[in-house]
Amino acid sequence: MGAFYYPHLFDFVADKMFGYDSLAVTFTDLSECEVTNWSWDFENDGVYDSFSETPTHVFSEAGVYDVKMKIERSGWADSLIKENYIVIQESQLPPPSGVSIEIDGTDVILEWSAIDTSRIVFHRNNLYYLIYDSDSPYDDFNYLSTTQDTTLVIDGGIEKKEKHFYCVIGFVGDLESLRNFVRSNKTIKIVNKKQGAFNENTLFNMAPRRGIEPLLQE
């Protein structure tokens, strides 16, 4: 006997479909027919992870997951796959806000509001701010300095240039991961020339847990 599919009777739902970093999701079978066995594949990788009627699964890695439920009863079995059903996103730091610039003689003073890290689990990590600068938004930005404060004084920052550009990046990690990030990202590019504007996504794709706000010195 072949398998039969009843779209009006055969379904399941999750109590949560989106989250950050790690998410515990409970699945419920909504099938109206009598079911004797359940098999759940939470990554649709061919390996069944649970055989409970109402299982809870923890998605601990960022990604987009297909979920498969197989149900069985006397005489038949069928499966339902929901594609791109669970989305787990890595937590991102919001951009530093309230960034301001002040000129004091030949010095440049950058100030910004502290980033909200309420969604970040720190453990042994710390919050750092990395500052990059450039002569043009269309050129590479060069690493300038790191601080854990919300103020940076750039001694002699005023040069014989009409404009200068800065960006402030938030970074969460330990000291070693910070050093590795800086070593790998001594120069960055945050501009899409076709758009003619700062493109934050370019930098957001470079490393986990950071925020960015560009600033223009005129």
C-alpha atoms as a PDB file:
ATOM      1  CA  MET A   1       0.000   0.000   0.000  1.00  0.00           C
ATOM      2  CA  GLY A   2       1.301   3.443  -0.880  1.00  0.00           C
ATOM      3  CA  ALA A   3       1.556   6.412   1.452  1.00  0.00           C
ATOM      4  CA  PHE A   4      -1.260   8.932   1.613  1.00  0.00           C
ATOM      5  CA  TYR A   5      -0.990  12.635   2.346  1.00  0.00           C
ATOM      6  CA  TYR A   6      -3.847  14.558   3.889  1.00  0.00           C
ATOM      7  CA  PRO A   7      -2.986  18.279   3.796  1.00  0.00           C
ATOM      8  CA  HIS A   8      -6.048  19.245   5.822  1.00  0.00           C
ATOM      9  CA  LEU A   9      -5.242  16.742   8.589  1.00  0.00           C
ATOM     10  CA  PHE A  10      -1.458  16.528   8.647  1.00  0.00           C
ATOM     11  CA  ASP A  11       0.491  19.445  10.120  1.00  0.00           C
ATOM     12  CA  PHE A  12       2.756  20.595  12.943  1.00  0.00           C
ATOM     13  CA  VAL A  13       3.738  23.913  14.504  1.00  0.00           C
ATOM     14  CA  ALA A  14       6.610  25.330  16.531  1.00  0.00           C
ATOM     15  CA  ASP A  15       6.104  27.625  19.506  1.00  0.00           C
ATOM     16  CA  LYS A  16       9.028  29.792  18.300  1.00  0.00           C
ATOM     17  CA  MET A  17      10.498  30.152  14.827  1.00  0.00           C
ATOM     18  CA  PHE A  18      13.119  32.888  15.296  1.00  0.00           C
ATOM     19  CA  GLY A  19      15.760  33.595  17.892  1.00  0.00           C
ATOM     20  CA  TYR A  20      19.327  34.616  18.627  1.00  0.00           C
ATOM     21  CA  ASP A  21      22.346  32.403  19.381  1.00  0.00           C
ATOM     22  CA  SER A  22      20.469  29.524  21.035  1.00  0.00           C
ATOM     23  CA  LEU A  23      16.756  28.740  21.031  1.00  0.00           C
ATOM     24  CA  ALA A  24      14.691  25.990  22.666  1.00  0.00           C
ATOM     25  CA  VAL A  25      11.740  25.169  20.406  1.00  0.00           C
ATOM     26  CA  THR A  26       8.779  22.941  21.229  1.00  0.00           C
ATOM     27  CA  PHE A  27       6.996  21.252  18.324  1.00  0.00           C
ATOM     28  CA  THR A  28       3.380  20.129  18.355  1.00  0.00           C
ATOM     29  CA  ASP A  29       1.741  17.668  15.985  1.00  0.00           C
ATOM     30  CA  LEU A  30      -1.585  19.015  14.729  1.00  0.00           C
ATOM     31  CA  SER A  31      -2.585  15.912  12.820  1.00  0.00           C
ATOM     32  CA  GLU A  32      -6.237  15.046  13.374  1.00  0.00           C
ATOM     33  CA  CYS A  33      -5.837  11.403  12.500  1.00  0.00           C
ATOM     34  CA  GLU A  34      -4.794   8.779  15.024  1.00  0.00           C
ATOM     35  CA  VAL A  35      -0.995   8.545  15.155  1.00  0.00           C
ATOM     36  CA  THR A  36       0.995   5.782  16.829  1.00  0.00           C
ATOM     37  CA  ASN A  37       4.603   6.871  16.122  1.00  0.00           C
ATOM     38  CA  TRP A  38       6.384  10.193  15.574  1.00  0.00           C
ATOM     39  CA  SER A  39       9.855  10.802  14.148  1.00  0.00           C
ATOM     40  CA  TRP A  40      11.373  14.287  14.043  1.00  0.00           C
ATOM     41  CA  ASP A  41      14.372  15.416  12.032  1.00  0.00           C
ATOM     42  CA  PHE A  42      15.127  18.950  13.174  1.00  0.00           C
ATOM     43  CA  GLU A  43      17.808  19.626  10.558  1.00  0.00           C
ATOM     44  CA  ASN A  44      16.341  17.506   7.746  1.00  0.00           C
ATOM     45  CA  ASP A  45      19.697  15.737   7.459  1.00  0.00           C
ATOM     46  CA  GLY A  46      18.305  12.215   7.352  1.00  0.00           C
ATOM     47  CA  VAL A  47      18.868  11.584  11.067  1.00  0.00           C
ATOM     48  CA  TYR A  48      15.832  11.493  13.332  1.00  0.00           C
ATOM     49  CA  ASP A  49      16.470  13.427  16.538  1.00  0.00           C
ATOM     50  CA  SER A  50      13.330  12.712  18.552  1.00  0.00           C
ATOM     51  CA  PHE A  51      10.470  10.213  18.681  1.00  0.00           C
ATOM     52  CA  SER A  52       8.254  12.163  21.049  1.00  0.00           C
ATOM     53  CA  GLU A  53       4.792  13.450  20.217  1.00  0.00           C
ATOM     54  CA  THR A  54       5.662  16.952  21.445  1.00  0.00           C
ATOM     55  CA  PRO A  55       9.444  17.268  21.440  1.00  0.00           C
ATOM     56  CA  THR A  56      11.617  20.199  22.485  1.00  0.00           C
ATOM     57  CA  HIS A  57      14.854  20.797  20.616  1.00  0.00           C
ATOM     58  CA  VAL A  58      17.610  23.328  21.255  1.00  0.00           C
ATOM     59  CA  PHE A  59      19.046  24.981  18.144  1.00  0.00           C
ATOM     60  CA  SER A  60      22.453  26.159  19.325  1.00  0.00           C
ATOM     61  CA  GLU A  61      24.068  27.355  16.105  1.00  0.00           C
ATOM     62  CA  ALA A  62      23.133  30.210  13.806  1.00  0.00           C
ATOM     63  CA  GLY A  63      21.431  29.033  10.640  1.00  0.00           C
ATOM     64  CA  VAL A  64      18.200  28.365   8.787  1.00  0.00           C
ATOM     65  CA  TYR A  65      16.705  24.954   9.481  1.00  0.00           C
ATOM     66  CA  ASP A  66      14.272  22.687   7.643  1.00  0.00           C
ATOM     67  CA  VAL A  67      12.205  20.525   9.986  1.00  0.00           C
ATOM     68  CA  LYS A  68      10.743  17.132   9.063  1.00  0.00           C
ATOM     69  CA  MET A  69       8.017  15.248  10.922  1.00  0.00           C
ATOM     70  CA  LYS A  70       7.185  11.653  10.053  1.00  0.00           C
ATOM     71  CA  ILE A  71       4.035  10.103  11.477  1.00  0.00           C
ATOM     72  CA  GLU A  72       2.922   6.483  11.387  1.00  0.00           C
ATOM     73  CA  ARG A  73      -0.251   4.635  12.109  1.00  0.00           C
ATOM     74  CA  SER A  74      -1.524   1.194  11.301  1.00  0.00           C
ATOM     75  CA  GLY A  75      -1.232   0.649   7.588  1.00  0.00           C
ATOM     76  CA  TRP A  76       0.527   3.868   6.482  1.00  0.00           C
ATOM     77  CA  ALA A  77       3.185   6.475   7.136  1.00  0.00           C
ATOM     78  CA  ASP A  78       3.835   9.933   5.763  1.00  0.00           C
ATOM     79  CA  SER A  79       6.223  12.842   6.203  1.00  0.00           C
ATOM     80  CA  LEU A  80       5.946  16.607   6.165  1.00  0.00           C
ATOM     81  CA  ILE A  81       8.916  18.929   5.666  1.00  0.00           C
ATOM     82  CA  LYS A  82       8.731  22.644   6.447  1.00  0.00           C
ATOM     83  CA  GLU A  83      11.593  24.399   4.697  1.00  0.00           C
ATOM     84  CA  ASN A  84      13.399  27.385   6.222  1.00  0.00           C
ATOM     85  CA  TYR A  85      11.160  26.962   9.243  1.00  0.00           C
ATOM     86  CA  ILE A  86      13.506  27.822  12.113  1.00  0.00           C
ATOM     87  CA  VAL A  87      15.866  30.802  11.866  1.00  0.00           C
ATOM     88  CA  ILE A  88      18.623  31.298  14.427  1.00  0.00           C
ATOM     89  CA  GLN A  89      20.599  34.498  14.033  1.00  0.00           C
ATOM     90  CA  GLU A  90      23.847  35.356  15.713  1.00  0.00           C
ATOM     91  CA  SER A  91      23.400  38.298  18.044  1.00  0.00           C
ATOM     92  CA  GLN A  92      24.597  41.534  16.542  1.00  0.00           C
ATOM     93  CA  LEU A  93      25.650  44.577  18.445  1.00  0.00           C
ATOM     94  CA  PRO A  94      23.659  47.666  17.560  1.00  0.00           C
ATOM     95  CA  PRO A  95      25.742  50.536  16.162  1.00  0.00           C
ATOM     96  CA  PRO A  96      27.169  52.960  18.693  1.00  0.00           C
ATOM     97  CA  SER A  97      24.703  55.824  18.997  1.00  0.00           C
ATOM     98  CA  GLY A  98      25.056  59.512  19.648  1.00  0.00           C
ATOM     99  CA  VAL A  99      28.481  59.720  18.052  1.00  0.00           C
ATOM    100  CA  SER A 100      29.829  63.264  18.100  1.00  0.00           C
ATOM    101  CA  ILE A 101      33.036  64.970  17.124  1.00  0.00           C
ATOM    102  CA  GLU A 102      34.727  67.983  18.695  1.00  0.00           C
ATOM    103  CA  ILE A 103      37.842  69.868  17.673  1.00  0.00           C
ATOM    104  CA  ASP A 104      40.177  71.065  20.417  1.00  0.00           C
ATOM    105  CA  GLY A 105      43.130  72.848  18.903  1.00  0.00           C
ATOM    106  CA  THR A 106      44.728  70.220  16.715  1.00  0.00           C
ATOM    107  CA  ASP A 107      43.082  67.325  18.554  1.00  0.00           C
ATOM    108  CA  VAL A 108      39.947  65.463  17.537  1.00  0.00           C
ATOM    109  CA  ILE A 109      37.646  64.224  20.310  1.00  0.00           C
ATOM    110  CA  LEU A 110      35.215  61.448  19.463  1.00  0.00           C
ATOM    111  CA  GLU A 111      32.389  60.589  21.854  1.00  0.00           C
ATOM    112  CA  TRP A 112      29.517  58.091  21.634  1.00  0.00           C
ATOM    113  CA  SER A 113      26.902  56.421  23.820  1.00  0.00           C
ATOM    114  CA  ALA A 114      27.621  52.979  25.236  1.00  0.00           C
ATOM    115  CA  ILE A 115      26.234  50.072  23.228  1.00  0.00           C
ATOM    116  CA  ASP A 116      23.325  48.157  24.745  1.00  0.00           C
ATOM    117  CA  THR A 117      24.706  44.687  25.440  1.00  0.00           C
ATOM    118  CA  SER A 118      21.710  43.324  27.345  1.00  0.00           C
ATOM    119  CA  ARG A 119      21.329  40.456  24.829  1.00  0.00           C
ATOM    120  CA  ILE A 120      24.992  39.488  24.917  1.00  0.00           C
ATOM    121  CA  VAL A 121      26.312  36.764  27.250  1.00  0.00           C
ATOM    122  CA  PHE A 122      29.713  37.998  28.292  1.00  0.00           C
ATOM    123  CA  HIS A 123      31.299  35.159  30.323  1.00  0.00           C
ATOM    124  CA  ARG A 124      34.986  36.117  30.007  1.00  0.00           C
ATOM    125  CA  ASN A 125      34.377  38.547  27.165  1.00  0.00           C
ATOM    126  CA  ASN A 126      34.564  42.322  27.230  1.00  0.00           C
ATOM    127  CA  LEU A 127      33.142  45.134  25.129  1.00  0.00           C
ATOM    128  CA  TYR A 128      35.665  47.067  23.069  1.00  0.00           C
ATOM    129  CA  TYR A 129      35.333  49.966  20.656  1.00  0.00           C
ATOM    130  CA  LEU A 130      37.557  50.012  17.577  1.00  0.00           C
ATOM    131  CA  ILE A 131      38.116  53.232  15.681  1.00  0.00           C
ATOM    132  CA  TYR A 132      39.025  53.372  12.004  1.00  0.00           C
ATOM    133  CA  ASP A 133      39.695  56.439   9.852  1.00  0.00           C
ATOM    134  CA  SER A 134      40.012  57.375   6.197  1.00  0.00           C
ATOM    135  CA  ASP A 135      40.480  60.359   3.930  1.00  0.00           C
ATOM    136  CA  SER A 136      37.487  59.299   1.846  1.00  0.00           C
ATOM    137  CA  PRO A 137      34.390  57.148   2.365  1.00  0.00           C
ATOM    138  CA  TYR A 138      35.273  55.410  -0.906  1.00  0.00           C
ATOM    139  CA  ASP A 139      38.723  54.326   0.255  1.00  0.00           C
ATOM    140  CA  ASP A 140      39.828  51.743   2.782  1.00  0.00           C
ATOM    141  CA  PHE A 141      39.456  52.693   6.434  1.00  0.00           C
ATOM    142  CA  ASN A 142      42.599  52.088   8.483  1.00  0.00           C
ATOM    143  CA  TYR A 143      42.687  50.826  12.043  1.00  0.00           C
ATOM    144  CA  LEU A 144      43.414  53.686  14.409  1.00  0.00           C
ATOM    145  CA  SER A 145      42.826  52.694  18.024  1.00  0.00           C
ATOM    146  CA  THR A 146      40.951  50.544  20.543  1.00  0.00           C
ATOM    147  CA  THR A 147      39.299  51.663  23.759  1.00  0.00           C
ATOM    148  CA  GLN A 148      36.822  50.407  26.337  1.00  0.00           C
ATOM    149  CA  ASP A 149      35.704  53.964  27.035  1.00  0.00           C
ATOM    150  CA  THR A 150      33.129  55.941  25.100  1.00  0.00           C
ATOM    151  CA  THR A 151      35.561  58.758  24.360  1.00  0.00           C
ATOM    152  CA  LEU A 152      38.713  58.861  22.278  1.00  0.00           C
ATOM    153  CA  VAL A 153      41.092  61.793  21.940  1.00  0.00           C
ATOM    154  CA  ILE A 154      43.087  61.696  18.713  1.00  0.00           C
ATOM    155  CA  ASP A 155      46.169  63.789  19.322  1.00  0.00           C
ATOM    156  CA  GLY A 156      46.986  65.964  16.344  1.00  0.00           C
ATOM    157  CA  GLY A 157      43.994  64.614  14.475  1.00  0.00           C
ATOM    158  CA  ILE A 158      43.557  67.851  12.549  1.00  0.00           C
ATOM    159  CA  GLU A 159      45.522  67.761   9.328  1.00  0.00           C
ATOM    160  CA  LYS A 160      45.521  69.931   6.243  1.00  0.00           C
ATOM    161  CA  LYS A 161      42.500  68.181   4.777  1.00  0.00           C
ATOM    162  CA  GLU A 162      39.031  69.468   4.109  1.00  0.00           C
ATOM    163  CA  LYS A 163      37.363  66.291   5.309  1.00  0.00           C
ATOM    164  CA  HIS A 164      38.222  63.199   7.282  1.00  0.00           C
ATOM    165  CA  PHE A 165      36.092  60.138   8.044  1.00  0.00           C
ATOM    166  CA  TYR A 166      35.876  57.991  11.168  1.00  0.00           C
ATOM    167  CA  CYS A 167      33.929  54.879  12.077  1.00  0.00           C
ATOM    168  CA  VAL A 168      33.386  53.371  15.524  1.00  0.00           C
ATOM    169  CA  ILE A 169      32.905  49.616  15.826  1.00  0.00           C
ATOM    170  CA  GLY A 170      31.673  47.680  18.828  1.00  0.00           C
ATOM    171  CA  PHE A 171      33.340  44.318  19.412  1.00  0.00           C
ATOM    172  CA  VAL A 172      32.592  41.687  22.080  1.00  0.00           C
ATOM    173  CA  GLY A 173      35.237  39.091  22.825  1.00  0.00           C
ATOM    174  CA  ASP A 174      38.316  38.312  24.869  1.00  0.00           C
ATOM    175  CA  LEU A 175      41.624  40.053  24.351  1.00  0.00           C
ATOM    176  CA  GLU A 176      42.963  37.336  22.089  1.00  0.00           C
ATOM    177  CA  SER A 177      39.956  37.420  19.765  1.00  0.00           C
ATOM    178  CA  LEU A 178      40.216  41.207  19.664  1.00  0.00           C
ATOM    179  CA  ARG A 179      43.866  41.035  18.641  1.00  0.00           C
ATOM    180  CA  ASN A 180      43.065  38.455  15.987  1.00  0.00           C
ATOM    181  CA  PHE A 181      40.265  40.621  14.610  1.00  0.00           C
ATOM    182  CA  VAL A 182      42.488  43.701  14.400  1.00  0.00           C
ATOM    183  CA  ARG A 183      45.321  41.681  12.876  1.00  0.00           C
ATOM    184  CA  SER A 184      42.978  40.390  10.175  1.00  0.00           C
ATOM    185  CA  ASN A 185      41.181  43.698   9.654  1.00  0.00           C
ATOM    186  CA  LYS A 186      43.818  46.416   9.692  1.00  0.00           C
ATOM    187  CA  THR A 187      41.929  47.962   6.801  1.00  0.00           C
ATOM    188  CA  ILE A 188      38.204  47.745   6.127  1.00  0.00           C
ATOM    189  CA  LYS A 189      35.817  49.059   3.526  1.00  0.00           C
ATOM    190  CA  ILE A 190      32.318  50.177   4.518  1.00  0.00           C
ATOM    191  CA  VAL A 191      31.195  51.869   1.335  1.00  0.00           C
ATOM    192  CA  ASN A 192      29.333  50.662  -1.699  1.00  0.00           C
ATOM    193  CA  LYS A 193      30.358  52.988  -4.533  1.00  0.00           C
ATOM    194  CA  LYS A 194      27.273  52.160  -6.568  1.00  0.00           C
ATOM    195  CA  GLN A 195      25.059  53.281  -3.715  1.00  0.00           C
ATOM    196  CA  GLY A 196      27.276  56.265  -2.979  1.00  0.00           C
ATOM    197  CA  ALA A 197      26.719  55.864   0.741  1.00  0.00           C
ATOM    198  CA  PHE A 198      28.030  53.983   3.743  1.00  0.00           C
ATOM    199  CA  ASN A 199      27.153  50.317   3.490  1.00  0.00           C
ATOM    200  CA  GLU A 200      27.062  48.903   7.010  1.00  0.00           C
ATOM    201  CA  ASN A 201      26.397  45.343   5.837  1.00  0.00           C
ATOM    202  CA  THR A 202      29.862  45.144   4.292  1.00  0.00           C
ATOM    203  CA  LEU A 203      31.405  45.324   7.723  1.00  0.00           C
ATOM    204  CA  PHE A 204      28.674  43.431   9.534  1.00  0.00           C
ATOM    205  CA  ASN A 205      29.558  40.341   7.506  1.00  0.00           C
ATOM    206  CA  MET A 206      33.176  40.396   8.560  1.00  0.00           C
ATOM    207  CA  ALA A 207      33.066  39.103  12.138  1.00  0.00           C
ATOM    208  CA  PRO A 208      30.552  38.257  14.840  1.00  0.00           C
ATOM    209  CA  ARG A 209      29.062  40.677  17.304  1.00  0.00           C
ATOM    210  CA  ARG A 210      29.915  44.158  16.280  1.00  0.00           C
ATOM    211  CA  GLY A 211      28.209  47.401  15.483  1.00  0.00           C
ATOM    212  CA  ILE A 212      29.324  50.334  13.412  1.00  0.00           C
ATOM    213  CA  GLU A 213      28.578  53.983  12.950  1.00  0.00           C
ATOM    214  CA  PRO A 214      30.459  56.173  10.462  1.00  0.00           C
ATOM    215  CA  LEU A 215      31.259  59.761  11.300  1.00  0.00           C
ATOM    216  CA  LEU A 216      32.439  62.638   9.137  1.00  0.00           C
ATOM    217  CA  GLN A 217      34.912  65.248  10.323  1.00  0.00           C
ATOM    218  CA  GLU A 218      34.595  68.496   8.387  1.00  0.00           C
END
